[in-house]
C-alpha atoms as a PDB file:
ATOM      1  CA  MET A   1      58.048 -10.267  19.332  1.00  0.00           C
ATOM      2  CA  ALA A   2      55.107 -12.284  17.760  1.00  0.00           C
ATOM      3  CA  LYS A   3      55.228 -13.533  14.183  1.00  0.00           C
ATOM      4  CA  LYS A   4      53.171 -11.791  11.627  1.00  0.00           C
ATOM      5  CA  ALA A   5      50.753 -14.212   9.778  1.00  0.00           C
ATOM      6  CA  GLN A   6      51.747 -14.317   6.001  1.00  0.00           C
ATOM      7  CA  SER A   7      49.710 -12.713   3.127  1.00  0.00           C
ATOM      8  CA  THR A   8      48.703 -15.662   1.479  1.00  0.00           C
ATOM      9  CA  LEU A   9      45.676 -16.594  -0.591  1.00  0.00           C
ATOM     10  CA  ILE A  10      44.304 -19.248   1.901  1.00  0.00           C
ATOM     11  CA  ASN A  11      44.704 -16.643   4.914  1.00  0.00           C
ATOM     12  CA  MET A  12      42.967 -14.026   2.932  1.00  0.00           C
ATOM     13  CA  LEU A  13      40.039 -16.552   2.175  1.00  0.00           C
ATOM     14  CA  LEU A  14      39.923 -17.842   5.953  1.00  0.00           C
ATOM     15  CA  SER A  15      39.820 -14.078   7.217  1.00  0.00           C
ATOM     16  CA  LEU A  16      37.198 -12.957   4.693  1.00  0.00           C
ATOM     17  CA  THR A  17      34.970 -16.146   5.301  1.00  0.00           C
ATOM     18  CA  VAL A  18      35.122 -15.441   9.249  1.00  0.00           C
ATOM     19  CA  ILE A  19      34.366 -11.798   8.462  1.00  0.00           C
ATOM     20  CA  ALA A  20      31.330 -12.856   6.099  1.00  0.00           C
ATOM     21  CA  ILE A  21      29.942 -15.428   8.570  1.00  0.00           C
ATOM     22  CA  VAL A  22      30.154 -12.989  11.672  1.00  0.00           C
ATOM     23  CA  ALA A  23      28.185 -10.227   9.399  1.00  0.00           C
ATOM     24  CA  ALA A  24      25.767 -12.665   8.320  1.00  0.00           C
ATOM     25  CA  ALA A  25      24.946 -13.838  11.744  1.00  0.00           C
ATOM     26  CA  ALA A  26      24.490 -10.174  13.058  1.00  0.00           C
ATOM     27  CA  LEU A  27      22.283  -9.159  10.261  1.00  0.00           C
ATOM     28  CA  ALA A  28      20.145 -12.288  10.869  1.00  0.00           C
ATOM     29  CA  LEU A  29      19.837 -11.667  14.643  1.00  0.00           C
ATOM     30  CA  VAL A  30      18.823  -7.817  13.804  1.00  0.00           C
ATOM     31  CA  ASN A  31      16.010  -9.287  11.458  1.00  0.00           C
ATOM     32  CA  LYS A  32      14.880 -11.932  14.041  1.00  0.00           C
ATOM     33  CA  VAL A  33      14.708  -8.896  16.597  1.00  0.00           C
ATOM     34  CA  THR A  34      12.922  -6.445  14.529  1.00  0.00           C
ATOM     35  CA  GLU A  35      10.409  -8.757  12.676  1.00  0.00           C
ATOM     36  CA  GLU A  36       7.537  -8.733  14.960  1.00  0.00           C
ATOM     37  CA  PRO A  37       7.638  -4.697  15.804  1.00  0.00           C
ATOM     38  CA  ILE A  38       7.632  -4.177  12.186  1.00  0.00           C
ATOM     39  CA  ALA A  39       4.586  -6.584  11.556  1.00  0.00           C
ATOM     40  CA  GLN A  40       2.771  -4.995  14.650  1.00  0.00           C
ATOM     41  CA  ALA A  41       3.355  -1.565  13.144  1.00  0.00           C
ATOM     42  CA  LYS A  42       2.159  -2.670   9.619  1.00  0.00           C
ATOM     43  CA  LYS A  43      -0.968  -4.189  11.125  1.00  0.00           C
ATOM     44  CA  ALA A  44      -1.789  -1.059  13.260  1.00  0.00           C
ATOM     45  CA  LYS A  45      -1.286   1.165  10.089  1.00  0.00           C
ATOM     46  CA  THR A  46      -3.656  -1.096   8.028  1.00  0.00           C
ATOM     47  CA  ASP A  47      -6.162  -1.043  11.062  1.00  0.00           C
ATOM     48  CA  GLU A  48      -6.013   2.680  11.176  1.00  0.00           C
ATOM     49  CA  ALA A  49      -6.490   2.747   7.374  1.00  0.00           C
ATOM     50  CA  ILE A  50      -9.615   0.563   7.523  1.00  0.00           C
ATOM     51  CA  LYS A  51     -11.169   2.808  10.024  1.00  0.00           C
ATOM     52  CA  ALA A  52     -10.463   5.943   8.015  1.00  0.00           C
ATOM     53  CA  VAL A  53     -11.742   4.582   4.548  1.00  0.00           C
ATOM     54  CA  LEU A  54     -15.018   2.947   5.528  1.00  0.00           C
ATOM     55  CA  PRO A  55     -18.349   4.474   6.556  1.00  0.00           C
ATOM     56  CA  GLN A  56     -19.465   3.956  10.410  1.00  0.00           C
ATOM     57  CA  TYR A  57     -19.529   0.288  11.243  1.00  0.00           C
ATOM     58  CA  ASP A  58     -20.174  -1.844  14.093  1.00  0.00           C
ATOM     59  CA  HIS A  59     -18.159  -5.042  12.967  1.00  0.00           C
ATOM     60  CA  THR A  60     -16.108  -6.338  10.320  1.00  0.00           C
ATOM     61  CA  GLU A  61     -15.092  -9.557   8.595  1.00  0.00           C
ATOM     62  CA  GLU A  62     -11.864 -10.028   6.878  1.00  0.00           C
ATOM     63  CA  LEU A  63     -11.860 -11.828   3.275  1.00  0.00           C
ATOM     64  CA  ASP A  64      -9.329 -12.781   0.868  1.00  0.00           C
ATOM     65  CA  VAL A  65     -10.465 -12.582  -2.882  1.00  0.00           C
ATOM     66  CA  GLU A  66      -7.900 -14.118  -4.977  1.00  0.00           C
ATOM     67  CA  GLY A  67      -5.029 -12.906  -3.096  1.00  0.00           C
ATOM     68  CA  THR A  68      -6.404  -9.587  -2.410  1.00  0.00           C
ATOM     69  CA  ALA A  69      -7.028  -8.634   1.409  1.00  0.00           C
ATOM     70  CA  CYS A  70     -10.546  -7.267   1.784  1.00  0.00           C
ATOM     71  CA  VAL A  71     -12.564  -6.130   5.021  1.00  0.00           C
ATOM     72  CA  LEU A  72     -16.294  -6.197   4.946  1.00  0.00           C
ATOM     73  CA  ALA A  73     -18.000  -3.717   7.385  1.00  0.00           C
ATOM     74  CA  TYR A  74     -21.208  -4.491   8.869  1.00  0.00           C
ATOM     75  CA  ASN A  75     -23.736  -2.375  11.010  1.00  0.00           C
ATOM     76  CA  GLU A  76     -25.476  -3.569  14.285  1.00  0.00           C
ATOM     77  CA  ALA A  77     -28.397  -5.047  11.914  1.00  0.00           C
ATOM     78  CA  ASP A  78     -25.676  -7.064  10.310  1.00  0.00           C
ATOM     79  CA  SER A  79     -26.166  -5.208   7.153  1.00  0.00           C
ATOM     80  CA  LEU A  80     -23.177  -4.605   4.861  1.00  0.00           C
ATOM     81  CA  VAL A  81     -22.335  -0.878   4.880  1.00  0.00           C
ATOM     82  CA  GLY A  82     -18.874  -0.738   3.088  1.00  0.00           C
ATOM     83  CA  VAL A  83     -15.677  -2.833   1.803  1.00  0.00           C
ATOM     84  CA  ALA A  84     -12.205  -1.843   2.373  1.00  0.00           C
ATOM     85  CA  VAL A  85      -9.801  -3.312  -0.233  1.00  0.00           C
ATOM     86  CA  ASN A  86      -6.083  -3.447  -0.081  1.00  0.00           C
ATOM     87  CA  SER A  87      -4.912  -2.675  -3.685  1.00  0.00           C
ATOM     88  CA  GLY A  88      -1.758  -1.016  -5.211  1.00  0.00           C
ATOM     89  CA  SER A  89      -0.050  -0.562  -8.368  1.00  0.00           C
ATOM     90  CA  ASP A  90       3.878  -1.104  -9.299  1.00  0.00           C
ATOM     91  CA  LYS A  91       3.882   1.495 -11.922  1.00  0.00           C
ATOM     92  CA  GLY A  92       4.376   4.638  -9.408  1.00  0.00           C
ATOM     93  CA  PHE A  93       7.586   6.718 -10.105  1.00  0.00           C
ATOM     94  CA  GLY A  94       9.183   5.451  -7.155  1.00  0.00           C
ATOM     95  CA  GLY A  95       8.098   1.729  -7.676  1.00  0.00           C
ATOM     96  CA  HIS A  96       5.226   0.137  -5.527  1.00  0.00           C
ATOM     97  CA  LEU A  97       2.078   2.545  -4.397  1.00  0.00           C
ATOM     98  CA  GLY A  98      -0.062   0.483  -1.723  1.00  0.00           C
ATOM     99  CA  VAL A  99      -3.519   1.923  -1.255  1.00  0.00           C
ATOM    100  CA  MET A 100      -6.359   0.854   1.010  1.00  0.00           C
ATOM    101  CA  TYR A 101      -9.643   2.044  -0.697  1.00  0.00           C
ATOM    102  CA  GLY A 102     -13.223   2.093   0.860  1.00  0.00           C
ATOM    103  CA  PHE A 103     -16.609   1.517  -1.014  1.00  0.00           C
ATOM    104  CA  ASP A 104     -20.062   1.745   0.028  1.00  0.00           C
ATOM    105  CA  THR A 105     -22.689  -0.643  -1.039  1.00  0.00           C
ATOM    106  CA  ASP A 106     -23.138   1.145  -4.157  1.00  0.00           C
ATOM    107  CA  GLY A 107     -19.669   1.148  -5.314  1.00  0.00           C
ATOM    108  CA  ASN A 108     -18.908   4.584  -4.431  1.00  0.00           C
ATOM    109  CA  ILE A 109     -15.228   5.347  -3.174  1.00  0.00           C
ATOM    110  CA  THR A 110     -15.848   6.288   0.309  1.00  0.00           C
ATOM    111  CA  GLY A 111     -11.994   7.032   1.248  1.00  0.00           C
ATOM    112  CA  TYR A 112      -8.627   5.938   0.902  1.00  0.00           C
ATOM    113  CA  GLN A 113      -5.331   5.949   2.741  1.00  0.00           C
ATOM    114  CA  ILE A 114      -1.672   5.278   1.176  1.00  0.00           C
ATOM    115  CA  LEU A 115      -0.013   2.416   2.803  1.00  0.00           C
ATOM    116  CA  GLU A 116       3.183   2.334   1.017  1.00  0.00           C
ATOM    117  CA  THR A 117       4.987   4.781  -1.033  1.00  0.00           C
ATOM    118  CA  SER A 118       8.399   5.623  -2.322  1.00  0.00           C
ATOM    119  CA  GLU A 119       7.239   8.707  -4.232  1.00  0.00           C
ATOM    120  CA  THR A 120       9.313  11.936  -4.852  1.00  0.00           C
ATOM    121  CA  PRO A 121       8.675  13.937  -1.581  1.00  0.00           C
ATOM    122  CA  GLY A 122       6.776  17.173  -2.833  1.00  0.00           C
ATOM    123  CA  LEU A 123       5.528  15.692  -5.987  1.00  0.00           C
ATOM    124  CA  GLY A 124       4.216  11.998  -5.694  1.00  0.00           C
ATOM    125  CA  ALA A 125       3.966  11.980  -2.071  1.00  0.00           C
ATOM    126  CA  LYS A 126       1.409  14.607  -2.376  1.00  0.00           C
ATOM    127  CA  ALA A 127      -0.798  11.596  -3.284  1.00  0.00           C
ATOM    128  CA  ASP A 128      -2.043  11.217   0.315  1.00  0.00           C
ATOM    129  CA  LYS A 129      -3.936  14.216   0.143  1.00  0.00           C
ATOM    130  CA  TRP A 130      -4.444  15.247  -3.488  1.00  0.00           C
ATOM    131  CA  PHE A 131      -7.012  12.839  -4.311  1.00  0.00           C
ATOM    132  CA  GLN A 132      -9.057  13.587  -1.056  1.00  0.00           C
ATOM    133  CA  ALA A 133     -12.584  15.193  -0.758  1.00  0.00           C
ATOM    134  CA  ASP A 134     -10.750  18.617  -0.533  1.00  0.00           C
ATOM    135  CA  GLY A 135      -8.129  17.858  -2.814  1.00  0.00           C
ATOM    136  CA  LYS A 136      -7.790  19.056  -6.650  1.00  0.00           C
ATOM    137  CA  GLY A 137      -8.111  15.220  -8.044  1.00  0.00           C
ATOM    138  CA  CYS A 138     -10.914  14.360  -5.633  1.00  0.00           C
ATOM    139  CA  VAL A 139     -12.239  10.320  -6.117  1.00  0.00           C
ATOM    140  CA  ILE A 140     -14.133  10.461  -3.008  1.00  0.00           C
ATOM    141  CA  GLY A 141     -17.754   9.729  -3.658  1.00  0.00           C
ATOM    142  CA  LYS A 142     -16.969   8.744  -7.380  1.00  0.00           C
ATOM    143  CA  ASN A 143     -18.091   5.171  -8.378  1.00  0.00           C
ATOM    144  CA  PRO A 144     -15.226   3.580 -10.974  1.00  0.00           C
ATOM    145  CA  GLY A 145     -18.271   1.600 -12.632  1.00  0.00           C
ATOM    146  CA  GLN A 146     -20.013   5.013 -13.677  1.00  0.00           C
ATOM    147  CA  ASN A 147     -16.936   7.511 -13.463  1.00  0.00           C
ATOM    148  CA  THR A 148     -13.948   7.165 -15.599  1.00  0.00           C
ATOM    149  CA  ILE A 149     -11.139   7.178 -12.763  1.00  0.00           C
ATOM    150  CA  LYS A 150      -8.183   7.941 -14.978  1.00  0.00           C
ATOM    151  CA  VAL A 151      -6.140  11.066 -15.371  1.00  0.00           C
ATOM    152  CA  ALA A 152      -7.422  13.681 -17.626  1.00  0.00           C
ATOM    153  CA  LYS A 153      -4.508  13.339 -20.147  1.00  0.00           C
ATOM    154  CA  ASP A 154      -5.887   9.823 -20.603  1.00  0.00           C
ATOM    155  CA  GLY A 155      -9.363  10.838 -21.090  1.00  0.00           C
ATOM    156  CA  GLY A 156     -10.545  10.482 -17.642  1.00  0.00           C
ATOM    157  CA  GLU A 157     -11.937  12.679 -15.040  1.00  0.00           C
ATOM    158  CA  VAL A 158      -9.067  12.967 -12.456  1.00  0.00           C
ATOM    159  CA  ASP A 159      -6.867  15.875 -12.110  1.00  0.00           C
ATOM    160  CA  ALA A 160      -3.299  14.558 -12.060  1.00  0.00           C
ATOM    161  CA  ILE A 161      -0.789  15.733  -9.455  1.00  0.00           C
ATOM    162  CA  SER A 162       0.998  18.521 -10.863  1.00  0.00           C
ATOM    163  CA  GLY A 163       4.299  17.330 -12.007  1.00  0.00           C
ATOM    164  CA  SER A 164       3.504  13.581 -11.076  1.00  0.00           C
ATOM    165  CA  THR A 165       1.274  12.060 -13.865  1.00  0.00           C
ATOM    166  CA  ILE A 166       2.987   8.721 -13.254  1.00  0.00           C
ATOM    167  CA  THR A 167       2.002   8.575  -9.536  1.00  0.00           C
ATOM    168  CA  SER A 168      -1.293   9.624 -10.747  1.00  0.00           C
ATOM    169  CA  ARG A 169      -1.840   6.951 -13.365  1.00  0.00           C
ATOM    170  CA  ALA A 170      -0.737   4.496 -10.793  1.00  0.00           C
ATOM    171  CA  PHE A 171      -2.994   5.413  -7.973  1.00  0.00           C
ATOM    172  CA  CYS A 172      -5.965   5.337 -10.751  1.00  0.00           C
ATOM    173  CA  GLU A 173      -4.628   1.798 -11.776  1.00  0.00           C
ATOM    174  CA  ALA A 174      -5.105   0.766  -8.010  1.00  0.00           C
ATOM    175  CA  VAL A 175      -8.502   2.279  -7.841  1.00  0.00           C
ATOM    176  CA  ALA A 176      -9.674   0.053 -10.818  1.00  0.00           C
ATOM    177  CA  THR A 177      -7.829  -3.137  -9.352  1.00  0.00           C
ATOM    178  CA  ALA A 178      -9.453  -2.369  -6.228  1.00  0.00           C
ATOM    179  CA  PHE A 179     -12.890  -1.808  -7.708  1.00  0.00           C
ATOM    180  CA  GLU A 180     -12.684  -5.219  -9.714  1.00  0.00           C
ATOM    181  CA  THR A 181     -11.981  -6.889  -6.382  1.00  0.00           C
ATOM    182  CA  TYR A 182     -15.077  -5.070  -4.686  1.00  0.00           C
ATOM    183  CA  GLN A 183     -17.314  -6.382  -7.745  1.00  0.00           C
ATOM    184  CA  LYS A 184     -16.115 -10.185  -7.249  1.00  0.00           C
ATOM    185  CA  ILE A 185     -17.433  -9.562  -3.740  1.00  0.00           C
ATOM    186  CA  ASN A 186     -20.618  -7.629  -4.403  1.00  0.00           C
ATOM    187  CA  LYS A 187     -22.044  -9.830  -6.854  1.00  0.00           C
END
């Protein structure tokens, strides 16, 4: 009969160390294998958002404005037709709210797409449709330089999502941040 290993402090530490090393190696392998597909999916989602928020364009140019990713869209005559700005706010109810906003050459919002959200399903998660052209809190066509893009409770012109004022405020803050970036480009 095989002799059973004694339950000593050294044996326990050795066993736990081996288990931790094997688990860490497995996690590192899974991370390495999934890293590229995750990056490709994120890039595809961003590309689709750019197409959705900008007016019709022929070609684009990527631009980094003080750490903010932007895309300038041009027509066939090389005239600027719009700017897409990747913006966001960390003040959402569920944390970070990442949004791609589109602006025309006059600064009017041409569209938006939610890129990242951890908002409550059925409440804050409604932001993907609430602020669209047919939504109750529509911001499409508004110019943040001329309109007060804040929730009505804060003296603005935007109807907040029912039961989700925090998410609505985060959305409006992200609009303001995106517009500031747009103004730096459009000087």
